[in-house]
Amino acid sequence: MRRDPCSPYTLRQLLRNNPILLVDPFGLKDYNELETQQFIVDAYESATGGPTIANGLVNIYVDLNGNRSTGKVGRFDFGNQQEHWDDTFLVGGQRYTADEFGNFIAGFEGKTWEDKYNGGLPFALPLVHLGGIFYHLAGNSKAHNDPWDTTGFPAIRAGARFADQFATRSNKSAAGSKYPCEAN
């Protein structure tokens, strides 16, 4: 565990002289590969779940956008969830900020949906890209002067590439495993 450079407290003070606690009261978290994998598995199940093709697309939209009229944030919109603002997520040795990981998940869900329901042909992934552009054009992004979402595209593309790796591992995993990423 490393010291939070933004905290005025020492690690010993944070843990109240009890290292077993290992809890950061400020909520900052660096998710490791295994912890991050759970978010990815949840995103996979959401994008490919439901009795119809449309369910996956609706899930992707809600996962990323939530319900703006009620103020509810999407469950994978980590950059807009206060509990995740300063968290980082590790995928394949690459560390992503909360905003980047939200884009990563968007690309992952879009590509996963395409692979399952559209024979890998582009449909959901372009919608994800368009959604990012509209999000930026509406002024909802923290990235200023980026109406075409150029800051989000690299993470979206990385998520889409990871979907291909994930699918390969899923096919090699043991039948019935809830966590296809665990296959070697």
Foldseek 3Di string as FASTA:
>chain_A
DDDDPVDPDDPCVQCVVPVVVVDRPQLEEAAEAVRLLVVLLVLLCQLPDDDDLVSNLVSLCCQQAPDVVVPDGHVLQQCPDSSQVQYWYDDPNDIHHSNLRSLLSSLQSQQSSCVVPVVSDDDSLVVSQVVQLVCVCVVVDPDPPCNNPPVRVVSSVNSNVVNVVLVVQQVVDDPPDSRSVPHD
